[in-house]
Amino acid sequence: MKMKRIGAVMGASALTAALFLAVPTAAQAAAYTQKCGTGRVASLANNLPLYVEIDINSESWDNRYSKGDQFNCEKGSLYIGGRYTACGVTNGNGWVKILFRDGVTMFTYQACLKDV
């Protein structure tokens, strides 16, 4: 993330200003899918896990996926769930539903997927 300097501020106000300005740059925010807009996504990470529920403590597949692997996803949807830190996002909570041909559905981190 890119911090923006807003001039000389003293004391706790400086820390507060810095925390509020630690936002993703436009390039970072545009890099990952917003709502599975195309119905297809690609992994931005190596060792990407897939979970049964929208929580990192839920059951996950032993398979881990590589950067560039592609998946079908539930088009136009985004799920808000458990918090995670992954792919440059701290305390993220956006999840994407991954759809497999055999009817199995899994979830993974929004921050680690891009539309294709």
PDB file of N, CA and C in Angstrom:
ATOM      1  N   MET A   1       0.830  -1.175   0.000  1.00  0.00           N
ATOM      2  CA  MET A   1       0.000   0.000   0.000  1.00  0.00           C
ATOM      3  C   MET A   1       0.877   1.240   0.000  1.00  0.00           C
ATOM      4  N   LYS A   2       0.362   2.291  -0.539  1.00  0.00           N
ATOM      5  CA  LYS A   2       1.097   3.524  -0.666  1.00  0.00           C
ATOM      6  C   LYS A   2       0.558   4.522   0.345  1.00  0.00           C
ATOM      7  N   MET A   3       1.435   5.080   1.160  1.00  0.00           N
ATOM      8  CA  MET A   3       1.042   6.091   2.129  1.00  0.00           C
ATOM      9  C   MET A   3       1.176   7.456   1.466  1.00  0.00           C
ATOM     10  N   LYS A   4       0.229   8.317   1.719  1.00  0.00           N
ATOM     11  CA  LYS A   4       0.289   9.673   1.191  1.00  0.00           C
ATOM     12  C   LYS A   4       0.598  10.629   2.329  1.00  0.00           C
ATOM     13  N   ARG A   5       1.552  11.489   2.129  1.00  0.00           N
ATOM     14  CA  ARG A   5       1.929  12.456   3.148  1.00  0.00           C
ATOM     15  C   ARG A   5       1.071  13.696   2.973  1.00  0.00           C
ATOM     16  N   ILE A   6       0.529  14.177   4.098  1.00  0.00           N
ATOM     17  CA  ILE A   6      -0.345  15.344   4.016  1.00  0.00           C
ATOM     18  C   ILE A   6       0.220  16.554   4.738  1.00  0.00           C
ATOM     19  N   GLY A   7       1.505  16.556   5.000  1.00  0.00           N
ATOM     20  CA  GLY A   7       2.122  17.697   5.658  1.00  0.00           C
ATOM     21  C   GLY A   7       2.462  17.374   7.099  1.00  0.00           C
ATOM     22  N   ALA A   8       2.959  18.373   7.813  1.00  0.00           N
ATOM     23  CA  ALA A   8       3.388  18.176   9.197  1.00  0.00           C
ATOM     24  C   ALA A   8       2.191  18.231  10.132  1.00  0.00           C
ATOM     25  N   VAL A   9       1.939  17.104  10.795  1.00  0.00           N
ATOM     26  CA  VAL A   9       0.880  17.025  11.790  1.00  0.00           C
ATOM     27  C   VAL A   9       1.540  16.459  13.032  1.00  0.00           C
ATOM     28  N   MET A  10       1.168  16.928  14.214  1.00  0.00           N
ATOM     29  CA  MET A  10       1.857  16.502  15.423  1.00  0.00           C
ATOM     30  C   MET A  10       1.023  15.535  16.254  1.00  0.00           C
ATOM     31  N   GLY A  11       1.701  14.740  17.096  1.00  0.00           N
ATOM     32  CA  GLY A  11       1.071  13.886  18.089  1.00  0.00           C
ATOM     33  C   GLY A  11       0.223  12.775  17.505  1.00  0.00           C
ATOM     34  N   ALA A  12      -0.846  12.432  18.245  1.00  0.00           N
ATOM     35  CA  ALA A  12      -1.731  11.335  17.854  1.00  0.00           C
ATOM     36  C   ALA A  12      -2.432  11.621  16.542  1.00  0.00           C
ATOM     37  N   SER A  13      -2.620  12.876  16.223  1.00  0.00           N
ATOM     38  CA  SER A  13      -3.283  13.232  14.970  1.00  0.00           C
ATOM     39  C   SER A  13      -2.500  12.721  13.764  1.00  0.00           C
ATOM     40  N   ALA A  14      -1.188  12.735  13.862  1.00  0.00           N
ATOM     41  CA  ALA A  14      -0.357  12.250  12.752  1.00  0.00           C
ATOM     42  C   ALA A  14      -0.561  10.760  12.546  1.00  0.00           C
ATOM     43  N   LEU A  15      -0.586  10.020  13.649  1.00  0.00           N
ATOM     44  CA  LEU A  15      -0.794   8.584  13.542  1.00  0.00           C
ATOM     45  C   LEU A  15      -2.175   8.292  12.968  1.00  0.00           C
ATOM     46  N   THR A  16      -3.188   8.985  13.443  1.00  0.00           N
ATOM     47  CA  THR A  16      -4.553   8.788  12.946  1.00  0.00           C
ATOM     48  C   THR A  16      -4.620   9.093  11.455  1.00  0.00           C
ATOM     49  N   ALA A  17      -4.022  10.191  11.040  1.00  0.00           N
ATOM     50  CA  ALA A  17      -4.035  10.552   9.615  1.00  0.00           C
ATOM     51  C   ALA A  17      -3.331   9.490   8.790  1.00  0.00           C
ATOM     52  N   ALA A  18      -2.197   8.997   9.280  1.00  0.00           N
ATOM     53  CA  ALA A  18      -1.458   7.971   8.544  1.00  0.00           C
ATOM     54  C   ALA A  18      -2.276   6.699   8.415  1.00  0.00           C
ATOM     55  N   LEU A  19      -2.966   6.305   9.466  1.00  0.00           N
ATOM     56  CA  LEU A  19      -3.774   5.095   9.400  1.00  0.00           C
ATOM     57  C   LEU A  19      -4.911   5.223   8.403  1.00  0.00           C
ATOM     58  N   PHE A  20      -5.540   6.354   8.349  1.00  0.00           N
ATOM     59  CA  PHE A  20      -6.651   6.531   7.423  1.00  0.00           C
ATOM     60  C   PHE A  20      -6.193   6.662   5.974  1.00  0.00           C
ATOM     61  N   LEU A  21      -4.960   7.033   5.762  1.00  0.00           N
ATOM     62  CA  LEU A  21      -4.467   7.197   4.399  1.00  0.00           C
ATOM     63  C   LEU A  21      -3.770   5.949   3.873  1.00  0.00           C
ATOM     64  N   ALA A  22      -3.695   4.906   4.657  1.00  0.00           N
ATOM     65  CA  ALA A  22      -3.076   3.655   4.202  1.00  0.00           C
ATOM     66  C   ALA A  22      -4.102   2.852   3.424  1.00  0.00           C
ATOM     67  N   VAL A  23      -4.417   3.345   2.263  1.00  0.00           N
ATOM     68  CA  VAL A  23      -5.424   2.706   1.417  1.00  0.00           C
ATOM     69  C   VAL A  23      -4.752   2.115   0.191  1.00  0.00           C
ATOM     70  N   PRO A  24      -5.361   1.102  -0.422  1.00  0.00           N
ATOM     71  CA  PRO A  24      -4.744   0.536  -1.621  1.00  0.00           C
ATOM     72  C   PRO A  24      -4.661   1.578  -2.731  1.00  0.00           C
ATOM     73  N   THR A  25      -3.606   1.503  -3.511  1.00  0.00           N
ATOM     74  CA  THR A  25      -3.518   2.365  -4.681  1.00  0.00           C
ATOM     75  C   THR A  25      -4.552   1.889  -5.695  1.00  0.00           C
ATOM     76  N   ALA A  26      -4.820   2.692  -6.689  1.00  0.00           N
ATOM     77  CA  ALA A  26      -5.798   2.311  -7.716  1.00  0.00           C
ATOM     78  C   ALA A  26      -5.389   1.013  -8.402  1.00  0.00           C
ATOM     79  N   ALA A  27      -4.088   0.843  -8.637  1.00  0.00           N
ATOM     80  CA  ALA A  27      -3.608  -0.379  -9.304  1.00  0.00           C
ATOM     81  C   ALA A  27      -3.854  -1.604  -8.438  1.00  0.00           C
ATOM     82  N   GLN A  28      -3.626  -1.479  -7.114  1.00  0.00           N
ATOM     83  CA  GLN A  28      -3.858  -2.613  -6.224  1.00  0.00           C
ATOM     84  C   GLN A  28      -5.344  -2.959  -6.173  1.00  0.00           C
ATOM     85  N   ALA A  29      -6.191  -1.978  -6.018  1.00  0.00           N
ATOM     86  CA  ALA A  29      -7.627  -2.226  -5.915  1.00  0.00           C
ATOM     87  C   ALA A  29      -8.177  -2.812  -7.209  1.00  0.00           C
ATOM     88  N   ALA A  30      -7.668  -2.374  -8.346  1.00  0.00           N
ATOM     89  CA  ALA A  30      -8.158  -2.865  -9.631  1.00  0.00           C
ATOM     90  C   ALA A  30      -7.629  -4.257  -9.957  1.00  0.00           C
ATOM     91  N   ALA A  31      -6.586  -4.674  -9.260  1.00  0.00           N
ATOM     92  CA  ALA A  31      -5.952  -5.951  -9.575  1.00  0.00           C
ATOM     93  C   ALA A  31      -6.832  -7.139  -9.251  1.00  0.00           C
ATOM     94  N   TYR A  32      -7.628  -7.066  -8.199  1.00  0.00           N
ATOM     95  CA  TYR A  32      -8.446  -8.222  -7.847  1.00  0.00           C
ATOM     96  C   TYR A  32      -9.908  -8.018  -8.219  1.00  0.00           C
ATOM     97  N   THR A  33     -10.613  -9.140  -8.345  1.00  0.00           N
ATOM     98  CA  THR A  33     -12.008  -9.108  -8.766  1.00  0.00           C
ATOM     99  C   THR A  33     -12.866  -8.344  -7.760  1.00  0.00           C
ATOM    100  N   GLN A  34     -13.854  -7.657  -8.245  1.00  0.00           N
ATOM    101  CA  GLN A  34     -14.778  -6.962  -7.349  1.00  0.00           C
ATOM    102  C   GLN A  34     -16.007  -7.817  -7.061  1.00  0.00           C
ATOM    103  N   LYS A  35     -16.562  -8.450  -8.076  1.00  0.00           N
ATOM    104  CA  LYS A  35     -17.748  -9.298  -7.903  1.00  0.00           C
ATOM    105  C   LYS A  35     -17.801 -10.401  -8.942  1.00  0.00           C
ATOM    106  N   CYS A  36     -16.682 -10.972  -9.285  1.00  0.00           N
ATOM    107  CA  CYS A  36     -16.664 -12.032 -10.295  1.00  0.00           C
ATOM    108  C   CYS A  36     -17.458 -11.586 -11.519  1.00  0.00           C
ATOM    109  N   GLY A  37     -17.091 -10.461 -12.046  1.00  0.00           N
ATOM    110  CA  GLY A  37     -17.845  -9.833 -13.121  1.00  0.00           C
ATOM    111  C   GLY A  37     -17.935 -10.610 -14.420  1.00  0.00           C
ATOM    112  N   THR A  38     -16.964 -11.480 -14.684  1.00  0.00           N
ATOM    113  CA  THR A  38     -16.946 -12.211 -15.949  1.00  0.00           C
ATOM    114  C   THR A  38     -17.418 -13.657 -15.805  1.00  0.00           C
ATOM    115  N   GLY A  39     -17.555 -14.123 -14.561  1.00  0.00           N
ATOM    116  CA  GLY A  39     -17.892 -15.528 -14.339  1.00  0.00           C
ATOM    117  C   GLY A  39     -16.678 -16.431 -14.354  1.00  0.00           C
ATOM    118  N   ARG A  40     -15.502 -15.829 -14.513  1.00  0.00           N
ATOM    119  CA  ARG A  40     -14.258 -16.607 -14.540  1.00  0.00           C
ATOM    120  C   ARG A  40     -13.160 -15.773 -13.871  1.00  0.00           C
ATOM    121  N   VAL A  41     -12.372 -16.416 -13.019  1.00  0.00           N
ATOM    122  CA  VAL A  41     -11.286 -15.730 -12.324  1.00  0.00           C
ATOM    123  C   VAL A  41     -10.002 -16.548 -12.411  1.00  0.00           C
ATOM    124  N   ALA A  42      -8.880 -15.866 -12.191  1.00  0.00           N
ATOM    125  CA  ALA A  42      -7.573 -16.520 -12.140  1.00  0.00           C
ATOM    126  C   ALA A  42      -6.913 -16.191 -10.810  1.00  0.00           C
ATOM    127  N   SER A  43      -6.148 -17.135 -10.309  1.00  0.00           N
ATOM    128  CA  SER A  43      -5.442 -16.943  -9.049  1.00  0.00           C
ATOM    129  C   SER A  43      -4.295 -15.957  -9.226  1.00  0.00           C
ATOM    130  N   LEU A  44      -4.155 -15.065  -8.258  1.00  0.00           N
ATOM    131  CA  LEU A  44      -3.031 -14.137  -8.212  1.00  0.00           C
ATOM    132  C   LEU A  44      -1.925 -14.663  -7.299  1.00  0.00           C
ATOM    133  N   ALA A  45      -2.146 -15.833  -6.695  1.00  0.00           N
ATOM    134  CA  ALA A  45      -1.218 -16.353  -5.692  1.00  0.00           C
ATOM    135  C   ALA A  45      -0.853 -17.807  -5.937  1.00  0.00           C
ATOM    136  N   ASN A  46       0.281 -18.194  -5.437  1.00  0.00           N
ATOM    137  CA  ASN A  46       0.637 -19.603  -5.355  1.00  0.00           C
ATOM    138  C   ASN A  46       0.108 -20.144  -4.031  1.00  0.00           C
ATOM    139  N   ASN A  47      -0.200 -21.425  -4.002  1.00  0.00           N
ATOM    140  CA  ASN A  47      -0.731 -22.078  -2.800  1.00  0.00           C
ATOM    141  C   ASN A  47      -2.070 -21.503  -2.354  1.00  0.00           C
ATOM    142  N   LEU A  48      -2.912 -21.141  -3.297  1.00  0.00           N
ATOM    143  CA  LEU A  48      -4.236 -20.594  -2.973  1.00  0.00           C
ATOM    144  C   LEU A  48      -5.125 -21.695  -2.403  1.00  0.00           C
ATOM    145  N   PRO A  49      -5.646 -21.507  -1.181  1.00  0.00           N
ATOM    146  CA  PRO A  49      -6.531 -22.517  -0.596  1.00  0.00           C
ATOM    147  C   PRO A  49      -7.988 -22.294  -0.998  1.00  0.00           C
ATOM    148  N   LEU A  50      -8.767 -23.367  -0.999  1.00  0.00           N
ATOM    149  CA  LEU A  50     -10.216 -23.298  -1.203  1.00  0.00           C
ATOM    150  C   LEU A  50     -10.878 -23.871   0.048  1.00  0.00           C
ATOM    151  N   TYR A  51     -11.902 -23.182   0.533  1.00  0.00           N
ATOM    152  CA  TYR A  51     -12.578 -23.555   1.774  1.00  0.00           C
ATOM    153  C   TYR A  51     -14.030 -23.923   1.516  1.00  0.00           C
ATOM    154  N   VAL A  52     -14.576 -24.751   2.417  1.00  0.00           N
ATOM    155  CA  VAL A  52     -15.980 -25.161   2.335  1.00  0.00           C
ATOM    156  C   VAL A  52     -16.903 -23.994   2.695  1.00  0.00           C
ATOM    157  N   GLU A  53     -16.490 -23.168   3.641  1.00  0.00           N
ATOM    158  CA  GLU A  53     -17.266 -22.009   4.084  1.00  0.00           C
ATOM    159  C   GLU A  53     -16.420 -20.754   3.964  1.00  0.00           C
ATOM    160  N   ILE A  54     -17.028 -19.605   4.218  1.00  0.00           N
ATOM    161  CA  ILE A  54     -16.323 -18.328   4.089  1.00  0.00           C
ATOM    162  C   ILE A  54     -15.600 -17.981   5.391  1.00  0.00           C
ATOM    163  N   ASP A  55     -14.699 -18.885   5.765  1.00  0.00           N
ATOM    164  CA  ASP A  55     -13.951 -18.739   7.007  1.00  0.00           C
ATOM    165  C   ASP A  55     -12.675 -19.576   6.905  1.00  0.00           C
ATOM    166  N   ILE A  56     -11.559 -19.012   7.320  1.00  0.00           N
ATOM    167  CA  ILE A  56     -10.293 -19.738   7.221  1.00  0.00           C
ATOM    168  C   ILE A  56     -10.217 -20.927   8.182  1.00  0.00           C
ATOM    169  N   ASN A  57     -11.134 -20.988   9.144  1.00  0.00           N
ATOM    170  CA  ASN A  57     -11.160 -22.114  10.078  1.00  0.00           C
ATOM    171  C   ASN A  57     -12.049 -23.253   9.600  1.00  0.00           C
ATOM    172  N   SER A  58     -12.698 -23.077   8.457  1.00  0.00           N
ATOM    173  CA  SER A  58     -13.550 -24.144   7.926  1.00  0.00           C
ATOM    174  C   SER A  58     -12.685 -25.177   7.202  1.00  0.00           C
ATOM    175  N   GLU A  59     -13.295 -26.278   6.849  1.00  0.00           N
ATOM    176  CA  GLU A  59     -12.582 -27.334   6.136  1.00  0.00           C
ATOM    177  C   GLU A  59     -12.068 -26.804   4.801  1.00  0.00           C
ATOM    178  N   SER A  60     -10.857 -27.205   4.455  1.00  0.00           N
ATOM    179  CA  SER A  60     -10.304 -26.794   3.163  1.00  0.00           C
ATOM    180  C   SER A  60      -9.826 -28.021   2.412  1.00  0.00           C
ATOM    181  N   TRP A  61      -9.707 -27.877   1.106  1.00  0.00           N
ATOM    182  CA  TRP A  61      -9.176 -28.952   0.277  1.00  0.00           C
ATOM    183  C   TRP A  61      -7.686 -29.068   0.498  1.00  0.00           C
ATOM    184  N   ASP A  62      -7.187 -30.281   0.351  1.00  0.00           N
ATOM    185  CA  ASP A  62      -5.746 -30.479   0.428  1.00  0.00           C
ATOM    186  C   ASP A  62      -5.048 -29.852  -0.774  1.00  0.00           C
ATOM    187  N   ASN A  63      -5.771 -29.765  -1.882  1.00  0.00           N
ATOM    188  CA  ASN A  63      -5.208 -29.153  -3.092  1.00  0.00           C
ATOM    189  C   ASN A  63      -4.974 -27.673  -2.841  1.00  0.00           C
ATOM    190  N   ARG A  64      -3.859 -27.189  -3.332  1.00  0.00           N
ATOM    191  CA  ARG A  64      -3.573 -25.755  -3.338  1.00  0.00           C
ATOM    192  C   ARG A  64      -3.352 -25.389  -4.793  1.00  0.00           C
ATOM    193  N   TYR A  65      -3.800 -24.227  -5.160  1.00  0.00           N
ATOM    194  CA  TYR A  65      -3.738 -23.831  -6.562  1.00  0.00           C
ATOM    195  C   TYR A  65      -2.641 -22.803  -6.790  1.00  0.00           C
ATOM    196  N   SER A  66      -2.151 -22.761  -8.016  1.00  0.00           N
ATOM    197  CA  SER A  66      -1.016 -21.914  -8.378  1.00  0.00           C
ATOM    198  C   SER A  66      -1.454 -20.621  -9.033  1.00  0.00           C
ATOM    199  N   LYS A  67      -0.551 -19.680  -9.037  1.00  0.00           N
ATOM    200  CA  LYS A  67      -0.785 -18.407  -9.708  1.00  0.00           C
ATOM    201  C   LYS A  67      -1.110 -18.682 -11.173  1.00  0.00           C
ATOM    202  N   GLY A  68      -2.195 -18.092 -11.656  1.00  0.00           N
ATOM    203  CA  GLY A  68      -2.611 -18.280 -13.038  1.00  0.00           C
ATOM    204  C   GLY A  68      -3.683 -19.341 -13.233  1.00  0.00           C
ATOM    205  N   ASP A  69      -3.856 -20.251 -12.257  1.00  0.00           N
ATOM    206  CA  ASP A  69      -4.927 -21.247 -12.366  1.00  0.00           C
ATOM    207  C   ASP A  69      -6.272 -20.530 -12.462  1.00  0.00           C
ATOM    208  N   GLN A  70      -7.156 -21.034 -13.320  1.00  0.00           N
ATOM    209  CA  GLN A  70      -8.451 -20.387 -13.544  1.00  0.00           C
ATOM    210  C   GLN A  70      -9.611 -21.214 -13.007  1.00  0.00           C
ATOM    211  N   PHE A  71     -10.668 -20.503 -12.601  1.00  0.00           N
ATOM    212  CA  PHE A  71     -11.853 -21.125 -12.025  1.00  0.00           C
ATOM    213  C   PHE A  71     -13.109 -20.441 -12.538  1.00  0.00           C
ATOM    214  N   ASN A  72     -14.204 -21.187 -12.574  1.00  0.00           N
ATOM    215  CA  ASN A  72     -15.515 -20.578 -12.766  1.00  0.00           C
ATOM    216  C   ASN A  72     -15.957 -20.053 -11.406  1.00  0.00           C
ATOM    217  N   CYS A  73     -16.665 -18.932 -11.413  1.00  0.00           N
ATOM    218  CA  CYS A  73     -17.130 -18.354 -10.152  1.00  0.00           C
ATOM    219  C   CYS A  73     -18.572 -17.880 -10.314  1.00  0.00           C
ATOM    220  N   GLU A  74     -19.229 -17.665  -9.194  1.00  0.00           N
ATOM    221  CA  GLU A  74     -20.614 -17.203  -9.202  1.00  0.00           C
ATOM    222  C   GLU A  74     -20.623 -15.740  -9.633  1.00  0.00           C
ATOM    223  N   LYS A  75     -21.032 -15.528 -10.869  1.00  0.00           N
ATOM    224  CA  LYS A  75     -20.966 -14.204 -11.495  1.00  0.00           C
ATOM    225  C   LYS A  75     -21.793 -13.175 -10.736  1.00  0.00           C
ATOM    226  N   GLY A  76     -21.192 -12.018 -10.532  1.00  0.00           N
ATOM    227  CA  GLY A  76     -21.879 -10.886  -9.925  1.00  0.00           C
ATOM    228  C   GLY A  76     -22.055 -10.970  -8.422  1.00  0.00           C
ATOM    229  N   SER A  77     -21.384 -11.919  -7.774  1.00  0.00           N
ATOM    230  CA  SER A  77     -21.581 -12.023  -6.331  1.00  0.00           C
ATOM    231  C   SER A  77     -20.268 -11.942  -5.575  1.00  0.00           C
ATOM    232  N   LEU A  78     -20.372 -11.482  -4.356  1.00  0.00           N
ATOM    233  CA  LEU A  78     -19.261 -11.391  -3.427  1.00  0.00           C
ATOM    234  C   LEU A  78     -19.833 -11.678  -2.048  1.00  0.00           C
ATOM    235  N   TYR A  79     -19.148 -12.501  -1.293  1.00  0.00           N
ATOM    236  CA  TYR A  79     -19.604 -12.875   0.041  1.00  0.00           C
ATOM    237  C   TYR A  79     -18.722 -12.213   1.088  1.00  0.00           C
ATOM    238  N   ILE A  80     -19.345 -11.706   2.133  1.00  0.00           N
ATOM    239  CA  ILE A  80     -18.614 -11.116   3.251  1.00  0.00           C
ATOM    240  C   ILE A  80     -18.547 -12.166   4.346  1.00  0.00           C
ATOM    241  N   GLY A  81     -17.328 -12.495   4.772  1.00  0.00           N
ATOM    242  CA  GLY A  81     -17.166 -13.559   5.751  1.00  0.00           C
ATOM    243  C   GLY A  81     -16.006 -13.305   6.688  1.00  0.00           C
ATOM    244  N   GLY A  82     -15.384 -14.399   7.122  1.00  0.00           N
ATOM    245  CA  GLY A  82     -14.280 -14.323   8.065  1.00  0.00           C
ATOM    246  C   GLY A  82     -13.107 -13.520   7.529  1.00  0.00           C
ATOM    247  N   ARG A  83     -12.370 -12.944   8.436  1.00  0.00           N
ATOM    248  CA  ARG A  83     -11.210 -12.101   8.089  1.00  0.00           C
ATOM    249  C   ARG A  83     -10.006 -12.952   7.699  1.00  0.00           C
ATOM    250  N   TYR A  84      -9.184 -12.405   6.825  1.00  0.00           N
ATOM    251  CA  TYR A  84      -7.953 -13.072   6.396  1.00  0.00           C
ATOM    252  C   TYR A  84      -6.910 -12.030   6.022  1.00  0.00           C
ATOM    253  N   THR A  85      -5.676 -12.459   5.975  1.00  0.00           N
ATOM    254  CA  THR A  85      -4.581 -11.648   5.460  1.00  0.00           C
ATOM    255  C   THR A  85      -3.945 -12.459   4.337  1.00  0.00           C
ATOM    256  N   ALA A  86      -4.047 -11.953   3.124  1.00  0.00           N
ATOM    257  CA  ALA A  86      -3.535 -12.678   1.957  1.00  0.00           C
ATOM    258  C   ALA A  86      -3.387 -11.728   0.783  1.00  0.00           C
ATOM    259  N   CYS A  87      -2.435 -12.020  -0.072  1.00  0.00           N
ATOM    260  CA  CYS A  87      -2.247 -11.294  -1.334  1.00  0.00           C
ATOM    261  C   CYS A  87      -2.156  -9.783  -1.147  1.00  0.00           C
ATOM    262  N   GLY A  88      -1.482  -9.353  -0.102  1.00  0.00           N
ATOM    263  CA  GLY A  88      -1.279  -7.931   0.132  1.00  0.00           C
ATOM    264  C   GLY A  88      -2.429  -7.231   0.828  1.00  0.00           C
ATOM    265  N   VAL A  89      -3.468  -7.962   1.199  1.00  0.00           N
ATOM    266  CA  VAL A  89      -4.609  -7.375   1.897  1.00  0.00           C
ATOM    267  C   VAL A  89      -4.603  -7.868   3.342  1.00  0.00           C
ATOM    268  N   THR A  90      -4.649  -6.942   4.276  1.00  0.00           N
ATOM    269  CA  THR A  90      -4.701  -7.272   5.694  1.00  0.00           C
ATOM    270  C   THR A  90      -6.123  -7.091   6.190  1.00  0.00           C
ATOM    271  N   ASN A  91      -6.628  -8.074   6.911  1.00  0.00           N
ATOM    272  CA  ASN A  91      -7.963  -8.017   7.500  1.00  0.00           C
ATOM    273  C   ASN A  91      -9.057  -7.990   6.438  1.00  0.00           C
ATOM    274  N   GLY A  92      -8.811  -8.622   5.295  1.00  0.00           N
ATOM    275  CA  GLY A  92      -9.827  -8.704   4.244  1.00  0.00           C
ATOM    276  C   GLY A  92     -10.972  -9.603   4.681  1.00  0.00           C
ATOM    277  N   ASN A  93     -12.145  -9.400   4.096  1.00  0.00           N
ATOM    278  CA  ASN A  93     -13.284 -10.275   4.411  1.00  0.00           C
ATOM    279  C   ASN A  93     -14.162 -10.567   3.200  1.00  0.00           C
ATOM    280  N   GLY A  94     -13.681 -10.266   2.000  1.00  0.00           N
ATOM    281  CA  GLY A  94     -14.420 -10.574   0.779  1.00  0.00           C
ATOM    282  C   GLY A  94     -14.061 -11.965   0.267  1.00  0.00           C
ATOM    283  N   TRP A  95     -15.080 -12.758  -0.045  1.00  0.00           N
ATOM    284  CA  TRP A  95     -14.885 -14.133  -0.512  1.00  0.00           C
ATOM    285  C   TRP A  95     -15.634 -14.343  -1.817  1.00  0.00           C
ATOM    286  N   VAL A  96     -15.086 -15.193  -2.682  1.00  0.00           N
ATOM    287  CA  VAL A  96     -15.690 -15.522  -3.971  1.00  0.00           C
ATOM    288  C   VAL A  96     -16.042 -17.002  -3.967  1.00  0.00           C
ATOM    289  N   LYS A  97     -17.238 -17.309  -4.482  1.00  0.00           N
ATOM    290  CA  LYS A  97     -17.675 -18.703  -4.582  1.00  0.00           C
ATOM    291  C   LYS A  97     -17.137 -19.291  -5.881  1.00  0.00           C
ATOM    292  N   ILE A  98     -16.395 -20.389  -5.748  1.00  0.00           N
ATOM    293  CA  ILE A  98     -15.811 -21.098  -6.887  1.00  0.00           C
ATOM    294  C   ILE A  98     -16.738 -22.260  -7.243  1.00  0.00           C
ATOM    295  N   LEU A  99     -17.043 -22.404  -8.540  1.00  0.00           N
ATOM    296  CA  LEU A  99     -17.976 -23.428  -9.012  1.00  0.00           C
ATOM    297  C   LEU A  99     -17.229 -24.474  -9.828  1.00  0.00           C
ATOM    298  N   PHE A 100     -17.428 -25.738  -9.476  1.00  0.00           N
ATOM    299  CA  PHE A 100     -16.829 -26.834 -10.228  1.00  0.00           C
ATOM    300  C   PHE A 100     -17.907 -27.559 -11.032  1.00  0.00           C
ATOM    301  N   ARG A 101     -17.506 -28.202 -12.117  1.00  0.00           N
ATOM    302  CA  ARG A 101     -18.453 -28.861 -13.033  1.00  0.00           C
ATOM    303  C   ARG A 101     -19.288 -29.940 -12.355  1.00  0.00           C
ATOM    304  N   ASP A 102     -18.748 -30.583 -11.337  1.00  0.00           N
ATOM    305  CA  ASP A 102     -19.478 -31.669 -10.672  1.00  0.00           C
ATOM    306  C   ASP A 102     -20.468 -31.164  -9.626  1.00  0.00           C
ATOM    307  N   GLY A 103     -20.665 -29.841  -9.565  1.00  0.00           N
ATOM    308  CA  GLY A 103     -21.626 -29.261  -8.631  1.00  0.00           C
ATOM    309  C   GLY A 103     -21.032 -28.858  -7.293  1.00  0.00           C
ATOM    310  N   VAL A 104     -19.769 -29.179  -7.066  1.00  0.00           N
ATOM    311  CA  VAL A 104     -19.098 -28.789  -5.824  1.00  0.00           C
ATOM    312  C   VAL A 104     -18.847 -27.286  -5.848  1.00  0.00           C
ATOM    313  N   THR A 105     -19.073 -26.635  -4.711  1.00  0.00           N
ATOM    314  CA  THR A 105     -18.750 -25.212  -4.577  1.00  0.00           C
ATOM    315  C   THR A 105     -17.790 -25.036  -3.410  1.00  0.00           C
ATOM    316  N   MET A 106     -16.862 -24.127  -3.576  1.00  0.00           N
ATOM    317  CA  MET A 106     -15.869 -23.806  -2.550  1.00  0.00           C
ATOM    318  C   MET A 106     -15.732 -22.288  -2.521  1.00  0.00           C
ATOM    319  N   PHE A 107     -15.020 -21.777  -1.542  1.00  0.00           N
ATOM    320  CA  PHE A 107     -14.801 -20.334  -1.416  1.00  0.00           C
ATOM    321  C   PHE A 107     -13.322 -20.044  -1.267  1.00  0.00           C
ATOM    322  N   THR A 108     -12.920 -18.867  -1.762  1.00  0.00           N
ATOM    323  CA  THR A 108     -11.557 -18.409  -1.546  1.00  0.00           C
ATOM    324  C   THR A 108     -11.531 -16.887  -1.483  1.00  0.00           C
ATOM    325  N   TYR A 109     -10.350 -16.368  -1.163  1.00  0.00           N
ATOM    326  CA  TYR A 109     -10.162 -14.945  -0.913  1.00  0.00           C
ATOM    327  C   TYR A 109     -10.378 -14.084  -2.163  1.00  0.00           C
ATOM    328  N   GLN A 110     -11.190 -13.082  -2.038  1.00  0.00           N
ATOM    329  CA  GLN A 110     -11.406 -12.132  -3.139  1.00  0.00           C
ATOM    330  C   GLN A 110     -10.084 -11.485  -3.545  1.00  0.00           C
ATOM    331  N   ALA A 111      -9.252 -11.152  -2.560  1.00  0.00           N
ATOM    332  CA  ALA A 111      -8.008 -10.415  -2.816  1.00  0.00           C
ATOM    333  C   ALA A 111      -7.010 -11.195  -3.661  1.00  0.00           C
ATOM    334  N   CYS A 112      -7.215 -12.507  -3.795  1.00  0.00           N
ATOM    335  CA  CYS A 112      -6.263 -13.346  -4.531  1.00  0.00           C
ATOM    336  C   CYS A 112      -6.772 -13.790  -5.890  1.00  0.00           C
ATOM    337  N   LEU A 113      -7.822 -13.146  -6.379  1.00  0.00           N
ATOM    338  CA  LEU A 113      -8.403 -13.517  -7.676  1.00  0.00           C
ATOM    339  C   LEU A 113      -8.556 -12.294  -8.558  1.00  0.00           C
ATOM    340  N   LYS A 114      -8.370 -12.490  -9.860  1.00  0.00           N
ATOM    341  CA  LYS A 114      -8.653 -11.408 -10.817  1.00  0.00           C
ATOM    342  C   LYS A 114      -9.601 -11.945 -11.883  1.00  0.00           C
ATOM    343  N   ASP A 115     -10.418 -11.077 -12.426  1.00  0.00           N
ATOM    344  CA  ASP A 115     -11.333 -11.465 -13.511  1.00  0.00           C
ATOM    345  C   ASP A 115     -10.533 -11.775 -14.773  1.00  0.00           C
ATOM    346  N   VAL A 116     -10.979 -12.775 -15.522  1.00  0.00           N
ATOM    347  CA  VAL A 116     -10.352 -13.078 -16.817  1.00  0.00           C
ATOM    348  C   VAL A 116     -11.416 -13.144 -17.893  1.00  0.00           C
TER     349      VAL A 116
END
